[in-house]
Amino acid sequence: MTMSDTVEAGEAVALLERTRSAVNPQLRTTLESLPGSIRRVAMYHFGWEHADGTPAAGAAGKAIRPALVLAAARALGGDSRQAVRAAAAVELAHNFTLLHDDVIDEDSTRRHRPTAWTVFGTPDAIITGDALLALALRLLAEDRHPASAAAAERLAACVIELCAGQQADCALEERAPHEVSLDECLATATAKTGALLGCACALGALYAGGGEEEAAAMDAFGREAGLAFQLIDDLIGIWGDPARTGKPAGADLAAHKKSLPVVAALTSGTPAGADLAELYRGPMTPAAVRLAAEAVDRAGGRDWAQLQAADRMARAVHELARAVPDLAAAGDLLALAEFVTRRTR
């Protein structure tokens, strides 16, 4: 990492910290409005309480999506303070997906501690996720900002797209390795990850007074950046440091996930891709996970994902320029986008 990269990363980290300071009070107030048993699960999931309900000082997440809302509003000359409720709504919708995804994927760890479903049970985790989505929409419905109705409509449509993406992802996981195409996986990743990042940017544009054209361009920016985000996330799912990710090494491989680097390797037509397919047909022991990671690398999956992430970021900047011709005004958005595609955890 160069000195310039370090400075850019520091700017993004500071921006995320400011976002948490601005949005967390709204999030806490909103979560505290939940009925007791659901509130307890939600506060645990966000890292603000232990399982027994006593206060905790855990992190509630990186706040990338709410930061995009506020940064997009500023990029179009808006007052980001007026978009705090929208930013909180996006974060609530994101955490709705996390609670459900952890159940579907049977993930046992998130943010360095047991996932909510492993602590409170599957029904309570699912119900709490449902409640977070309702809270997200209520935040927008109660907001008196003139953009709130359009924002609620966009967020609802986005959640439907997220659900379709999750369903497609589950269907892909049930298919044999040789039956999955890279185009299918890219489309699924766009729906699962890109859609919400795009929605976050579009909501920021709407709250800045932008029209449909600006909102669409911001949405396209977020979608491309979101796909870059997912590509890097998939790399971390294979080669991430457990001490930083809070998950076991090679967790995605151990779960037989058909992540983007994996599918790129499986469809490479290389001997290493064939080795990976054979490994994916059997149990993923720690030794098999190590061999699978090596096979993904040898088949070119790692290099492909890194190049794709860079290409998607270039496309994202092109889309951003349609909404903000002077990219100097979009410095915060660009810093966030660079940060999520250079991160290592």
Protein backbone atom coordinates (compact mmCIF):
# COMPACT_ATOMS: atom_id res chain seq x y z
CA MET A 1 0.00 0.00 0.00
CA THR A 2 1.39 3.40 -1.00
CA MET A 3 1.39 6.54 1.12
CA SER A 4 -1.45 7.88 -1.08
CA ASP A 5 -3.48 4.72 -0.46
CA THR A 6 -2.92 5.08 3.28
CA VAL A 7 -4.13 8.69 3.21
CA GLU A 8 -7.24 7.73 1.18
CA ALA A 9 -8.00 4.85 3.54
CA GLY A 10 -7.61 7.17 6.52
CA GLU A 11 -10.06 9.63 4.98
CA ALA A 12 -12.61 6.87 4.43
CA VAL A 13 -12.21 5.52 7.96
CA ALA A 14 -12.73 9.02 9.37
CA LEU A 15 -15.79 9.42 7.14
CA LEU A 16 -17.24 6.14 8.42
CA GLU A 17 -16.63 7.23 12.01
CA ARG A 18 -18.46 10.51 11.37
CA THR A 19 -21.31 8.58 9.79
CA ARG A 20 -21.64 6.33 12.83
CA SER A 21 -21.68 9.38 15.09
CA ALA A 22 -24.45 10.95 13.00
CA VAL A 23 -26.57 7.84 12.38
CA ASN A 24 -26.15 5.64 15.46
CA PRO A 25 -28.29 7.83 17.75
CA GLN A 26 -31.17 7.52 15.27
CA LEU A 27 -30.58 3.77 14.98
CA ARG A 28 -30.56 3.29 18.76
CA THR A 29 -33.72 5.33 19.26
CA THR A 30 -35.45 3.36 16.52
CA LEU A 31 -34.36 -0.04 17.87
CA GLU A 32 -35.45 0.91 21.38
CA SER A 33 -39.00 1.34 20.06
CA LEU A 34 -39.21 -2.42 19.43
CA PRO A 35 -41.06 -4.77 21.81
CA GLY A 36 -38.79 -6.12 24.54
CA SER A 37 -37.90 -9.59 23.28
CA ILE A 38 -37.31 -8.41 19.70
CA ARG A 39 -35.39 -5.36 20.92
CA ARG A 40 -33.04 -7.64 22.87
CA VAL A 41 -32.14 -9.67 19.77
CA ALA A 42 -31.72 -6.52 17.68
CA MET A 43 -29.50 -4.78 20.22
CA TYR A 44 -27.38 -7.93 20.49
CA HIS A 45 -27.07 -8.18 16.71
CA PHE A 46 -25.95 -4.55 16.47
CA GLY A 47 -23.35 -5.15 19.18
CA TRP A 48 -24.86 -2.79 21.73
CA GLU A 49 -25.93 -5.44 24.24
CA HIS A 50 -24.72 -8.82 25.41
CA ALA A 51 -27.02 -11.81 25.12
CA ASP A 52 -28.23 -11.22 28.69
CA GLY A 53 -29.26 -7.64 27.88
CA THR A 54 -26.37 -5.90 29.63
CA PRO A 55 -24.65 -3.06 27.72
CA ALA A 56 -21.87 -3.94 25.29
CA ALA A 57 -19.38 -1.78 23.44
CA GLY A 58 -19.28 -3.76 20.22
CA ALA A 59 -19.21 -2.20 16.77
CA ALA A 60 -22.54 -2.05 14.95
CA GLY A 61 -20.89 -2.56 11.55
CA LYS A 62 -18.77 -0.51 9.18
CA ALA A 63 -21.65 1.86 8.24
CA ILE A 64 -20.70 1.81 4.56
CA ARG A 65 -24.29 2.01 3.30
CA PRO A 66 -25.42 4.92 5.49
CA ALA A 67 -22.15 6.67 4.64
CA LEU A 68 -23.04 6.37 0.96
CA VAL A 69 -26.44 7.96 1.59
CA LEU A 70 -24.90 10.98 3.32
CA ALA A 71 -21.99 11.29 0.87
CA ALA A 72 -24.32 11.15 -2.14
CA ALA A 73 -26.44 13.92 -0.64
CA ARG A 74 -23.37 16.10 -0.14
CA ALA A 75 -22.09 15.36 -3.67
CA LEU A 76 -25.26 16.91 -5.09
CA GLY A 77 -25.09 19.92 -2.81
CA GLY A 78 -27.58 18.73 -0.22
CA ASP A 79 -27.52 18.95 3.57
CA SER A 80 -26.56 15.46 4.75
CA ARG A 81 -28.13 16.11 8.16
CA GLN A 82 -31.54 15.97 6.49
CA ALA A 83 -30.75 12.48 5.16
CA VAL A 84 -29.89 10.85 8.51
CA ARG A 85 -33.24 9.07 8.77
CA ALA A 86 -32.82 7.73 5.23
CA ALA A 87 -29.30 6.57 6.10
CA ALA A 88 -30.60 4.78 9.19
CA ALA A 89 -33.36 3.18 7.12
CA VAL A 90 -30.82 1.76 4.68
CA GLU A 91 -28.73 0.36 7.54
CA LEU A 92 -31.80 -1.26 9.09
CA ALA A 93 -32.67 -2.87 5.75
CA HIS A 94 -29.08 -4.10 5.43
CA ASN A 95 -29.20 -5.70 8.86
CA PHE A 96 -32.52 -7.34 8.00
CA THR A 97 -30.62 -9.15 5.24
CA LEU A 98 -27.73 -10.04 7.56
CA LEU A 99 -29.98 -11.67 10.16
CA HIS A 100 -31.69 -13.75 7.48
CA ASP A 101 -28.48 -14.55 5.58
CA ASP A 102 -26.82 -15.87 8.74
CA VAL A 103 -29.71 -18.30 9.18
CA ILE A 104 -29.76 -19.37 5.53
CA ASP A 105 -25.98 -19.80 5.36
CA GLU A 106 -25.80 -21.30 8.86
CA ASP A 107 -23.01 -18.86 9.71
CA SER A 108 -22.04 -19.13 13.35
CA THR A 109 -19.98 -15.94 13.68
CA ARG A 110 -20.49 -12.28 12.80
CA ARG A 111 -18.49 -9.29 14.03
CA HIS A 112 -16.30 -11.53 16.16
CA ARG A 113 -19.09 -13.14 18.19
CA PRO A 114 -21.88 -15.74 17.79
CA THR A 115 -24.61 -14.86 15.31
CA ALA A 116 -28.05 -14.00 16.67
CA TRP A 117 -29.71 -17.23 15.52
CA THR A 118 -27.12 -19.35 17.36
CA VAL A 119 -27.81 -17.41 20.57
CA PHE A 120 -31.57 -16.78 20.46
CA GLY A 121 -32.71 -19.44 17.98
CA THR A 122 -33.74 -19.33 14.34
CA PRO A 123 -37.34 -18.08 14.85
CA ASP A 124 -36.28 -15.07 16.93
CA ALA A 125 -33.53 -14.12 14.48
CA ILE A 126 -35.89 -14.27 11.49
CA ILE A 127 -38.63 -12.35 13.29
CA THR A 128 -36.17 -9.67 14.39
CA GLY A 129 -34.96 -9.31 10.80
CA ASP A 130 -38.57 -8.82 9.70
CA ALA A 131 -39.02 -6.16 12.37
CA LEU A 132 -35.90 -4.28 11.21
CA LEU A 133 -37.28 -4.08 7.68
CA ALA A 134 -40.57 -2.73 9.02
CA LEU A 135 -38.65 -0.15 11.06
CA ALA A 136 -36.73 0.94 7.95
CA LEU A 137 -39.91 1.63 6.04
CA ARG A 138 -41.54 3.30 9.04
CA LEU A 139 -38.60 5.69 9.37
CA LEU A 140 -39.17 6.89 5.83
CA ALA A 141 -42.97 6.93 6.14
CA GLU A 142 -42.73 9.20 9.20
CA ASP A 143 -40.13 11.50 7.65
CA ARG A 144 -41.51 14.89 6.58
CA HIS A 145 -38.78 15.43 3.99
CA PRO A 146 -40.30 15.88 0.49
CA ALA A 147 -38.20 12.99 -0.84
CA SER A 148 -39.34 10.46 1.77
CA ALA A 149 -42.15 8.90 -0.29
CA ALA A 150 -39.92 8.35 -3.32
CA ALA A 151 -37.21 7.01 -1.02
CA ALA A 152 -39.61 4.52 0.57
CA GLU A 153 -40.71 3.34 -2.87
CA ARG A 154 -37.10 2.84 -3.97
CA LEU A 155 -36.14 1.01 -0.79
CA ALA A 156 -39.14 -1.33 -1.03
CA ALA A 157 -38.33 -2.15 -4.66
CA CYS A 158 -34.70 -2.71 -3.69
CA VAL A 159 -35.65 -5.18 -0.95
CA ILE A 160 -37.75 -7.17 -3.42
CA GLU A 161 -34.71 -7.29 -5.71
CA LEU A 162 -32.54 -8.38 -2.77
CA CYS A 163 -34.95 -11.19 -1.99
CA ALA A 164 -34.94 -12.33 -5.62
CA GLY A 165 -31.15 -12.26 -5.58
CA GLN A 166 -31.04 -14.30 -2.38
CA GLN A 167 -33.44 -16.85 -3.84
CA ALA A 168 -31.33 -17.13 -7.00
CA ASP A 169 -28.22 -17.53 -4.86
CA CYS A 170 -29.79 -20.37 -2.89
CA ALA A 171 -30.82 -22.06 -6.15
CA LEU A 172 -27.25 -21.77 -7.46
CA GLU A 173 -25.88 -23.38 -4.33
CA GLU A 174 -28.07 -26.44 -4.94
CA ARG A 175 -26.66 -27.00 -8.43
CA ALA A 176 -23.55 -28.99 -9.29
CA PRO A 177 -20.36 -26.96 -9.86
CA HIS A 178 -20.35 -27.56 -13.63
CA GLU A 179 -23.95 -26.30 -13.94
CA VAL A 180 -23.23 -22.73 -12.76
CA SER A 181 -22.21 -19.93 -15.13
CA LEU A 182 -20.22 -16.83 -14.29
CA ASP A 183 -22.87 -14.54 -15.84
CA GLU A 184 -25.51 -15.99 -13.50
CA CYS A 185 -23.30 -15.39 -10.50
CA LEU A 186 -22.54 -11.81 -11.54
CA ALA A 187 -26.27 -11.10 -11.96
CA THR A 188 -27.00 -12.60 -8.54
CA ALA A 189 -24.23 -10.60 -6.89
CA THR A 190 -25.56 -7.40 -8.46
CA ALA A 191 -29.01 -8.09 -7.02
CA LYS A 192 -27.76 -9.21 -3.59
CA THR A 193 -25.09 -6.56 -2.99
CA GLY A 194 -25.13 -3.93 -5.73
CA ALA A 195 -28.83 -3.18 -5.42
CA LEU A 196 -28.66 -1.89 -1.84
CA LEU A 197 -25.51 0.14 -2.39
CA GLY A 198 -27.16 1.64 -5.47
CA CYS A 199 -30.31 2.36 -3.49
CA ALA A 200 -28.25 4.07 -0.77
CA CYS A 201 -26.67 6.41 -3.31
CA ALA A 202 -30.02 7.08 -5.00
CA LEU A 203 -31.63 7.97 -1.67
CA GLY A 204 -28.85 10.45 -1.01
CA ALA A 205 -29.50 12.02 -4.41
CA LEU A 206 -33.24 12.28 -3.72
CA TYR A 207 -32.67 13.89 -0.31
CA ALA A 208 -30.40 16.45 -1.98
CA GLY A 209 -33.26 17.43 -4.26
CA GLY A 210 -31.98 15.51 -7.27
CA GLY A 211 -34.34 14.33 -9.98
CA GLU A 212 -34.84 10.89 -11.50
CA GLU A 213 -31.85 11.29 -13.82
CA GLU A 214 -29.46 12.03 -10.95
CA ALA A 215 -30.95 9.27 -8.81
CA ALA A 216 -30.59 6.74 -11.64
CA ALA A 217 -26.95 7.71 -12.23
CA MET A 218 -26.19 7.46 -8.51
CA ASP A 219 -27.95 4.10 -8.39
CA ALA A 220 -25.79 2.86 -11.28
CA PHE A 221 -22.66 4.12 -9.51
CA GLY A 222 -23.60 2.25 -6.35
CA ARG A 223 -24.42 -0.94 -8.23
CA GLU A 224 -21.05 -1.03 -9.98
CA ALA A 225 -19.22 -0.16 -6.78
CA GLY A 226 -21.32 -2.80 -5.03
CA LEU A 227 -20.22 -5.48 -7.45
CA ALA A 228 -16.61 -4.46 -6.87
CA PHE A 229 -17.34 -4.65 -3.14
CA GLN A 230 -18.73 -8.19 -3.53
CA LEU A 231 -15.74 -9.34 -5.55
CA ILE A 232 -13.39 -8.18 -2.82
CA ASP A 233 -15.66 -9.64 -0.15
CA ASP A 234 -15.51 -13.00 -1.93
CA LEU A 235 -11.72 -12.84 -1.98
CA ILE A 236 -11.74 -12.11 1.74
CA GLY A 237 -14.10 -15.07 2.23
CA ILE A 238 -11.28 -17.28 0.95
CA TRP A 239 -8.07 -15.54 2.00
CA GLY A 240 -9.16 -13.14 4.75
CA ASP A 241 -7.40 -13.07 8.12
CA PRO A 242 -9.72 -14.62 10.76
CA ALA A 243 -8.39 -12.19 13.36
CA ARG A 244 -9.75 -9.34 11.26
CA THR A 245 -12.81 -10.90 9.61
CA GLY A 246 -14.22 -12.59 12.71
CA LYS A 247 -14.79 -15.73 10.63
CA PRO A 248 -12.71 -18.90 10.16
CA ALA A 249 -10.14 -18.96 7.35
CA GLY A 250 -11.62 -20.16 4.08
CA ALA A 251 -15.15 -20.00 5.51
CA ASP A 252 -16.75 -19.67 2.07
CA LEU A 253 -14.88 -22.72 0.78
CA ALA A 254 -15.76 -24.75 3.86
CA ALA A 255 -19.43 -24.00 3.12
CA HIS A 256 -19.05 -25.02 -0.56
CA LYS A 257 -20.12 -21.49 -1.57
CA LYS A 258 -20.06 -20.71 -5.27
CA SER A 259 -18.58 -17.26 -4.82
CA LEU A 260 -17.34 -15.29 -7.82
CA PRO A 261 -13.63 -16.31 -7.64
CA VAL A 262 -14.71 -19.92 -7.16
CA VAL A 263 -17.02 -19.90 -10.19
CA ALA A 264 -14.37 -18.11 -12.27
CA ALA A 265 -12.01 -20.96 -11.38
CA LEU A 266 -14.62 -23.67 -11.98
CA THR A 267 -15.41 -22.31 -15.45
CA SER A 268 -11.76 -21.66 -16.40
CA GLY A 269 -11.29 -24.91 -18.30
CA THR A 270 -8.01 -25.45 -16.48
CA PRO A 271 -6.72 -28.55 -14.65
CA ALA A 272 -6.86 -26.52 -11.44
CA GLY A 273 -10.52 -25.76 -12.09
CA ALA A 274 -11.18 -29.49 -12.48
CA ASP A 275 -9.33 -30.12 -9.20
CA LEU A 276 -11.53 -27.56 -7.47
CA ALA A 277 -14.71 -29.14 -8.85
CA GLU A 278 -13.61 -32.51 -7.48
CA LEU A 279 -12.88 -31.01 -4.06
CA TYR A 280 -16.31 -29.34 -4.04
CA ARG A 281 -17.97 -32.72 -4.47
CA GLY A 282 -16.63 -33.97 -1.14
CA PRO A 283 -16.46 -32.89 2.50
CA MET A 284 -14.50 -29.73 3.16
CA THR A 285 -12.01 -30.70 5.82
CA PRO A 286 -9.37 -28.12 6.81
CA ALA A 287 -6.94 -29.83 4.44
CA ALA A 288 -9.49 -29.73 1.61
CA VAL A 289 -10.11 -26.02 2.27
CA ARG A 290 -6.39 -25.29 1.88
CA LEU A 291 -6.23 -27.30 -1.35
CA ALA A 292 -9.36 -25.56 -2.68
CA ALA A 293 -7.88 -22.11 -2.01
CA GLU A 294 -4.74 -23.11 -3.89
CA ALA A 295 -6.84 -24.45 -6.77
CA VAL A 296 -8.84 -21.21 -7.05
CA ASP A 297 -5.57 -19.29 -7.22
CA ARG A 298 -3.94 -21.61 -9.79
CA ALA A 299 -7.07 -21.54 -11.97
CA GLY A 300 -6.95 -17.75 -12.12
CA GLY A 301 -9.98 -17.05 -9.94
CA ARG A 302 -8.11 -14.72 -7.64
CA ASP A 303 -6.56 -12.62 -10.43
CA TRP A 304 -9.86 -12.50 -12.32
CA ALA A 305 -11.74 -11.19 -9.28
CA GLN A 306 -9.14 -8.50 -8.62
CA LEU A 307 -9.19 -7.32 -12.25
CA GLN A 308 -12.99 -7.38 -12.33
CA ALA A 309 -13.15 -5.29 -9.16
CA ALA A 310 -10.91 -2.65 -10.74
CA ASP A 311 -13.00 -2.69 -13.94
CA ARG A 312 -16.26 -2.29 -12.02
CA MET A 313 -14.84 0.65 -10.11
CA ALA A 314 -13.90 2.33 -13.38
CA ARG A 315 -17.48 1.84 -14.58
CA ALA A 316 -18.76 3.22 -11.28
CA VAL A 317 -16.77 6.43 -11.71
CA HIS A 318 -18.14 6.82 -15.24
CA GLU A 319 -21.72 6.54 -13.92
CA LEU A 320 -20.98 8.98 -11.11
CA ALA A 321 -19.79 11.58 -13.59
CA ARG A 322 -23.28 11.60 -15.16
CA ALA A 323 -24.73 12.89 -11.87
CA VAL A 324 -21.76 14.93 -10.66
CA PRO A 325 -19.75 16.25 -13.65
CA ASP A 326 -17.22 17.86 -11.30
CA LEU A 327 -15.97 14.77 -9.47
CA ALA A 328 -14.19 16.98 -6.94
CA ALA A 329 -17.61 17.45 -5.34
CA ALA A 330 -17.92 13.69 -4.95
CA GLY A 331 -14.68 13.17 -3.04
CA ASP A 332 -16.37 11.38 -0.14
CA LEU A 333 -18.18 8.95 -2.44
CA LEU A 334 -14.97 8.14 -4.29
CA ALA A 335 -13.07 7.68 -1.03
CA LEU A 336 -15.68 5.21 0.19
CA ALA A 337 -15.67 3.31 -3.09
CA GLU A 338 -11.89 3.08 -3.06
CA PHE A 339 -11.92 1.98 0.55
CA VAL A 340 -14.30 -0.95 0.05
CA THR A 341 -12.33 -2.23 -2.95
CA ARG A 342 -8.97 -2.02 -1.21
CA ARG A 343 -9.96 -3.36 2.17
CA THR A 344 -8.60 -6.64 3.53
CA ARG A 345 -11.26 -7.58 6.04
